[in-house]
């Protein structure tokens, strides 16, 4: 999934940084200023749910730069408040729609930086 996201976003002109799991994502967000963060909810070591929460604690408001990708439904998906993030996209997703969504998120953030997936 990371390879597909990286390829899709790189071809769309974004500079992309990858995280191998939720803990790695949190560490990278603490150390860098990302324009957009694309995150799956189901990741090894630390879930996307935990990572979004940790990111919000460390950098309040940064959740509005998070585009969540998830196959989770029902109670699992309900663990994440949609108001905490830019949007939640259901898997499977259309790569063109992902690029469009990342561009909208980047435009609303009003800053420059890299995209993390």
N, C-alpha and C. Protein backbone atom coordinates (compact mmCIF):
# COMPACT_ATOMS: atom_id res chain seq x y z
N UNK A 1 0.84 -1.19 0.00
CA UNK A 1 0.00 0.00 0.00
C UNK A 1 0.88 1.25 0.00
N UNK A 2 1.94 1.26 0.83
CA UNK A 2 2.82 2.43 0.86
C UNK A 2 3.44 2.70 -0.50
N UNK A 3 3.85 1.65 -1.19
CA UNK A 3 4.47 1.82 -2.51
C UNK A 3 3.48 2.44 -3.49
N UNK A 4 2.23 1.98 -3.47
CA UNK A 4 1.20 2.54 -4.34
C UNK A 4 0.96 4.01 -4.01
N UNK A 5 0.84 4.33 -2.73
CA UNK A 5 0.62 5.72 -2.32
C UNK A 5 1.79 6.61 -2.72
N UNK A 6 3.00 6.12 -2.45
CA UNK A 6 4.19 6.90 -2.79
C UNK A 6 4.26 7.15 -4.28
N UNK A 7 4.05 6.12 -5.07
CA UNK A 7 4.09 6.26 -6.53
C UNK A 7 3.02 7.22 -7.02
N UNK A 8 1.80 7.05 -6.55
CA UNK A 8 0.68 7.89 -6.99
C UNK A 8 0.94 9.36 -6.65
N UNK A 9 1.36 9.63 -5.43
CA UNK A 9 1.55 11.02 -5.00
C UNK A 9 2.80 11.64 -5.60
N UNK A 10 3.85 10.85 -5.80
CA UNK A 10 5.06 11.36 -6.44
C UNK A 10 4.77 11.74 -7.89
N UNK A 11 4.02 10.89 -8.59
CA UNK A 11 3.65 11.20 -9.98
C UNK A 11 2.78 12.45 -10.06
N UNK A 12 2.07 12.76 -9.00
CA UNK A 12 1.23 13.96 -8.98
C UNK A 12 2.03 15.20 -8.57
N UNK A 13 3.33 15.04 -8.31
CA UNK A 13 4.18 16.19 -8.02
C UNK A 13 4.48 16.44 -6.56
N UNK A 14 4.05 15.54 -5.68
CA UNK A 14 4.33 15.71 -4.26
C UNK A 14 5.66 15.07 -3.89
N UNK A 15 6.37 15.66 -2.95
CA UNK A 15 7.54 15.05 -2.34
C UNK A 15 7.01 14.19 -1.20
N UNK A 16 7.35 12.91 -1.19
CA UNK A 16 6.74 11.97 -0.25
C UNK A 16 7.77 11.36 0.68
N UNK A 17 7.41 11.26 1.93
CA UNK A 17 8.21 10.61 2.96
C UNK A 17 7.35 9.46 3.50
N UNK A 18 7.93 8.28 3.67
CA UNK A 18 7.16 7.12 4.12
C UNK A 18 7.43 6.79 5.58
N UNK A 19 6.42 6.24 6.23
CA UNK A 19 6.56 5.70 7.59
C UNK A 19 6.16 4.24 7.53
N UNK A 20 6.94 3.37 8.18
CA UNK A 20 6.67 1.94 8.08
C UNK A 20 5.58 1.46 9.04
N UNK A 21 5.24 2.29 10.04
CA UNK A 21 4.18 1.93 11.00
C UNK A 21 3.73 3.19 11.74
N UNK A 22 2.77 3.03 12.62
CA UNK A 22 2.22 4.18 13.33
C UNK A 22 3.23 4.90 14.20
N UNK A 23 4.08 4.14 14.89
CA UNK A 23 5.10 4.76 15.75
C UNK A 23 6.10 5.57 14.93
N UNK A 24 6.50 5.02 13.81
CA UNK A 24 7.41 5.72 12.90
C UNK A 24 6.75 7.00 12.37
N UNK A 25 5.47 6.92 12.06
CA UNK A 25 4.73 8.10 11.57
C UNK A 25 4.73 9.20 12.63
N UNK A 26 4.46 8.85 13.87
CA UNK A 26 4.42 9.84 14.95
C UNK A 26 5.79 10.49 15.11
N UNK A 27 6.86 9.69 15.10
CA UNK A 27 8.21 10.24 15.23
C UNK A 27 8.54 11.19 14.08
N UNK A 28 8.15 10.82 12.87
CA UNK A 28 8.42 11.68 11.72
C UNK A 28 7.63 12.99 11.79
N UNK A 29 6.40 12.91 12.23
CA UNK A 29 5.59 14.14 12.33
C UNK A 29 6.15 15.05 13.42
N UNK A 30 6.65 14.48 14.49
CA UNK A 30 7.27 15.29 15.55
C UNK A 30 8.50 16.03 15.04
N UNK A 31 9.25 15.38 14.13
CA UNK A 31 10.51 15.93 13.66
C UNK A 31 10.39 16.80 12.40
N UNK A 32 9.27 16.73 11.71
CA UNK A 32 9.12 17.42 10.43
C UNK A 32 7.80 18.18 10.35
N UNK A 33 7.75 19.12 9.42
CA UNK A 33 6.51 19.84 9.15
C UNK A 33 5.98 19.35 7.81
N UNK A 34 4.92 18.54 7.86
CA UNK A 34 4.33 17.98 6.65
C UNK A 34 3.13 18.80 6.21
N UNK A 35 3.02 18.95 4.91
CA UNK A 35 1.90 19.65 4.31
C UNK A 35 0.63 18.81 4.45
N UNK A 36 0.75 17.51 4.19
CA UNK A 36 -0.36 16.57 4.28
C UNK A 36 0.20 15.25 4.83
N UNK A 37 -0.60 14.57 5.63
CA UNK A 37 -0.23 13.25 6.14
C UNK A 37 -1.32 12.29 5.69
N UNK A 38 -0.93 11.28 4.91
CA UNK A 38 -1.87 10.25 4.47
C UNK A 38 -1.61 9.04 5.35
N UNK A 39 -2.65 8.58 6.04
CA UNK A 39 -2.45 7.53 7.03
C UNK A 39 -3.54 6.46 6.97
N UNK A 40 -3.11 5.22 7.02
CA UNK A 40 -4.03 4.10 7.15
C UNK A 40 -4.35 3.95 8.63
N UNK A 41 -5.50 3.42 8.94
CA UNK A 41 -5.84 3.18 10.35
C UNK A 41 -5.26 1.87 10.87
N UNK A 42 -5.14 0.90 9.98
CA UNK A 42 -4.66 -0.42 10.39
C UNK A 42 -3.18 -0.54 10.02
N UNK A 43 -2.31 -0.26 10.99
CA UNK A 43 -0.86 -0.33 10.78
C UNK A 43 -0.24 -1.15 11.89
N UNK A 44 0.94 -1.72 11.62
CA UNK A 44 1.63 -2.47 12.67
C UNK A 44 2.22 -1.54 13.74
N UNK A 45 2.59 -2.11 14.85
CA UNK A 45 3.24 -1.47 16.00
C UNK A 45 2.30 -0.51 16.71
N UNK A 46 1.83 0.50 16.04
CA UNK A 46 0.89 1.48 16.59
C UNK A 46 -0.14 1.78 15.51
N UNK A 47 -1.40 1.66 15.84
CA UNK A 47 -2.45 1.86 14.83
C UNK A 47 -2.55 3.31 14.41
N UNK A 48 -3.26 3.53 13.31
CA UNK A 48 -3.54 4.89 12.87
C UNK A 48 -4.38 5.65 13.88
N UNK A 49 -5.25 4.93 14.58
CA UNK A 49 -6.05 5.57 15.64
C UNK A 49 -5.11 6.18 16.69
N UNK A 50 -4.15 5.35 17.15
CA UNK A 50 -3.20 5.81 18.16
C UNK A 50 -2.28 6.90 17.61
N UNK A 51 -1.87 6.75 16.36
CA UNK A 51 -0.98 7.73 15.76
C UNK A 51 -1.66 9.09 15.61
N UNK A 52 -2.90 9.12 15.16
CA UNK A 52 -3.62 10.40 15.04
C UNK A 52 -3.74 11.06 16.42
N UNK A 53 -4.05 10.27 17.43
CA UNK A 53 -4.17 10.82 18.78
C UNK A 53 -2.83 11.39 19.26
N UNK A 54 -1.75 10.64 19.07
CA UNK A 54 -0.42 11.09 19.49
C UNK A 54 0.03 12.34 18.73
N UNK A 55 -0.26 12.38 17.45
CA UNK A 55 0.09 13.54 16.64
C UNK A 55 -0.65 14.78 17.14
N UNK A 56 -1.93 14.61 17.44
CA UNK A 56 -2.75 15.73 17.94
C UNK A 56 -2.21 16.24 19.27
N UNK A 57 -1.78 15.33 20.16
CA UNK A 57 -1.23 15.75 21.45
C UNK A 57 0.05 16.55 21.28
N UNK A 58 0.88 16.13 20.33
CA UNK A 58 2.17 16.76 20.11
C UNK A 58 2.05 18.08 19.34
N UNK A 59 1.18 18.10 18.35
CA UNK A 59 1.01 19.30 17.51
C UNK A 59 -0.49 19.55 17.33
N UNK A 60 -1.10 20.21 18.29
CA UNK A 60 -2.55 20.46 18.20
C UNK A 60 -2.92 21.13 16.87
N UNK A 61 -4.01 20.64 16.28
CA UNK A 61 -4.49 21.20 15.03
C UNK A 61 -3.94 20.52 13.79
N UNK A 62 -2.85 19.76 13.93
CA UNK A 62 -2.25 19.12 12.75
C UNK A 62 -3.15 18.03 12.17
N UNK A 63 -4.09 17.55 12.95
CA UNK A 63 -5.01 16.54 12.46
C UNK A 63 -5.74 16.99 11.21
N UNK A 64 -5.94 18.27 11.05
CA UNK A 64 -6.62 18.79 9.85
C UNK A 64 -5.76 18.66 8.60
N UNK A 65 -4.54 18.14 8.76
CA UNK A 65 -3.68 17.84 7.61
C UNK A 65 -3.64 16.33 7.34
N UNK A 66 -4.45 15.55 8.06
CA UNK A 66 -4.43 14.10 7.93
C UNK A 66 -5.56 13.62 7.03
N UNK A 67 -5.18 12.88 5.98
CA UNK A 67 -6.12 12.19 5.11
C UNK A 67 -6.03 10.72 5.51
N UNK A 68 -7.10 10.18 6.06
CA UNK A 68 -7.12 8.80 6.53
C UNK A 68 -7.66 7.89 5.44
N UNK A 69 -6.97 6.77 5.23
CA UNK A 69 -7.44 5.71 4.35
C UNK A 69 -7.79 4.53 5.23
N UNK A 70 -8.96 3.94 5.01
CA UNK A 70 -9.34 2.84 5.89
C UNK A 70 -10.31 1.88 5.23
N UNK A 71 -10.12 0.63 5.54
CA UNK A 71 -11.09 -0.40 5.18
C UNK A 71 -11.98 -0.68 6.38
N UNK A 72 -11.67 -0.04 7.51
CA UNK A 72 -12.43 -0.25 8.74
C UNK A 72 -13.87 0.24 8.57
N UNK A 73 -14.76 -0.46 9.21
CA UNK A 73 -16.17 -0.07 9.17
C UNK A 73 -16.75 -0.17 10.58
N UNK A 74 -17.94 0.32 10.74
CA UNK A 74 -18.68 0.16 11.99
C UNK A 74 -17.95 0.68 13.21
N UNK A 75 -17.92 -0.15 14.27
CA UNK A 75 -17.35 0.26 15.55
C UNK A 75 -15.87 0.60 15.46
N UNK A 76 -15.13 -0.15 14.64
CA UNK A 76 -13.71 0.14 14.50
C UNK A 76 -13.50 1.55 13.95
N UNK A 77 -14.20 1.86 12.87
CA UNK A 77 -14.07 3.18 12.24
C UNK A 77 -14.57 4.28 13.17
N UNK A 78 -15.58 3.97 13.97
CA UNK A 78 -16.16 4.95 14.88
C UNK A 78 -15.19 5.40 15.96
N UNK A 79 -14.09 4.66 16.14
CA UNK A 79 -13.09 5.06 17.14
C UNK A 79 -12.39 6.37 16.77
N UNK A 80 -12.50 6.78 15.52
CA UNK A 80 -11.87 8.02 15.06
C UNK A 80 -12.94 9.06 14.79
N UNK A 81 -12.83 10.18 15.46
CA UNK A 81 -13.76 11.29 15.26
C UNK A 81 -13.40 11.99 13.95
N UNK A 82 -14.30 11.99 12.96
CA UNK A 82 -14.00 12.63 11.68
C UNK A 82 -13.61 14.11 11.81
N UNK A 83 -14.01 14.75 12.88
CA UNK A 83 -13.66 16.16 13.09
C UNK A 83 -12.17 16.33 13.42
N UNK A 84 -11.48 15.23 13.76
CA UNK A 84 -10.06 15.30 14.11
C UNK A 84 -9.16 15.33 12.88
N UNK A 85 -9.69 14.98 11.72
CA UNK A 85 -8.87 14.85 10.52
C UNK A 85 -9.47 15.62 9.36
N UNK A 86 -8.70 15.75 8.28
CA UNK A 86 -9.21 16.44 7.10
C UNK A 86 -10.36 15.65 6.48
N UNK A 87 -10.12 14.35 6.28
CA UNK A 87 -11.16 13.47 5.74
C UNK A 87 -10.79 12.02 5.97
N UNK A 88 -11.78 11.16 5.84
CA UNK A 88 -11.57 9.72 5.88
C UNK A 88 -12.03 9.15 4.54
N UNK A 89 -11.11 8.50 3.84
CA UNK A 89 -11.43 7.87 2.56
C UNK A 89 -11.53 6.37 2.77
N UNK A 90 -12.57 5.79 2.24
CA UNK A 90 -12.79 4.35 2.37
C UNK A 90 -11.96 3.58 1.34
N UNK A 91 -11.35 2.48 1.76
CA UNK A 91 -10.66 1.57 0.84
C UNK A 91 -11.68 0.59 0.31
N UNK A 92 -11.53 0.12 -0.91
CA UNK A 92 -10.54 0.57 -1.88
C UNK A 92 -10.84 1.99 -2.34
N UNK A 93 -9.82 2.71 -2.73
CA UNK A 93 -9.99 4.10 -3.13
C UNK A 93 -9.52 4.30 -4.57
N UNK A 94 -10.00 5.34 -5.18
CA UNK A 94 -9.61 5.73 -6.53
C UNK A 94 -8.36 6.61 -6.42
N UNK A 95 -7.23 6.20 -7.02
CA UNK A 95 -6.01 7.00 -6.92
C UNK A 95 -6.19 8.45 -7.36
N UNK A 96 -6.96 8.70 -8.41
CA UNK A 96 -7.19 10.07 -8.87
C UNK A 96 -7.94 10.88 -7.81
N UNK A 97 -8.88 10.24 -7.14
CA UNK A 97 -9.62 10.92 -6.07
C UNK A 97 -8.70 11.20 -4.88
N UNK A 98 -7.79 10.28 -4.60
CA UNK A 98 -6.82 10.51 -3.52
C UNK A 98 -5.97 11.74 -3.83
N UNK A 99 -5.46 11.82 -5.06
CA UNK A 99 -4.63 12.97 -5.45
C UNK A 99 -5.44 14.26 -5.31
N UNK A 100 -6.67 14.24 -5.77
CA UNK A 100 -7.55 15.42 -5.65
C UNK A 100 -7.74 15.80 -4.18
N UNK A 101 -7.95 14.82 -3.34
CA UNK A 101 -8.16 15.07 -1.91
C UNK A 101 -6.91 15.62 -1.25
N UNK A 102 -5.74 15.06 -1.59
CA UNK A 102 -4.48 15.54 -1.03
C UNK A 102 -4.22 16.97 -1.47
N UNK A 103 -4.53 17.29 -2.71
CA UNK A 103 -4.36 18.67 -3.20
C UNK A 103 -5.27 19.63 -2.44
N UNK A 104 -6.52 19.23 -2.20
CA UNK A 104 -7.44 20.09 -1.43
C UNK A 104 -6.93 20.29 -0.01
N UNK A 105 -6.42 19.23 0.59
CA UNK A 105 -5.89 19.32 1.95
C UNK A 105 -4.67 20.24 1.97
N UNK A 106 -3.79 20.10 0.99
CA UNK A 106 -2.61 20.95 0.90
C UNK A 106 -3.00 22.41 0.72
N UNK A 107 -4.00 22.67 -0.11
CA UNK A 107 -4.46 24.04 -0.34
C UNK A 107 -5.02 24.67 0.93
N UNK A 108 -5.75 23.90 1.72
CA UNK A 108 -6.34 24.45 2.94
C UNK A 108 -5.32 24.62 4.05
N UNK A 109 -4.21 23.87 3.99
CA UNK A 109 -3.22 24.00 5.07
C UNK A 109 -2.42 25.29 4.95
N UNK A 110 -2.29 25.81 3.72
CA UNK A 110 -1.67 27.10 3.52
C UNK A 110 -0.19 27.16 3.84
N UNK A 111 0.48 26.03 3.86
CA UNK A 111 1.92 26.05 4.13
C UNK A 111 2.62 25.14 3.13
N UNK A 112 3.94 25.12 3.20
CA UNK A 112 4.69 24.26 2.32
C UNK A 112 5.33 23.14 3.12
N UNK A 113 5.63 22.07 2.47
CA UNK A 113 6.26 20.94 3.16
C UNK A 113 6.13 19.69 2.32
N UNK A 114 6.39 18.56 2.97
CA UNK A 114 6.33 17.27 2.29
C UNK A 114 5.05 16.56 2.67
N UNK A 115 4.74 15.57 1.86
CA UNK A 115 3.60 14.70 2.14
C UNK A 115 4.13 13.41 2.73
N UNK A 116 3.54 12.94 3.80
CA UNK A 116 3.95 11.68 4.39
C UNK A 116 2.87 10.64 4.13
N UNK A 117 3.29 9.42 3.75
CA UNK A 117 2.33 8.33 3.62
C UNK A 117 2.81 7.14 4.41
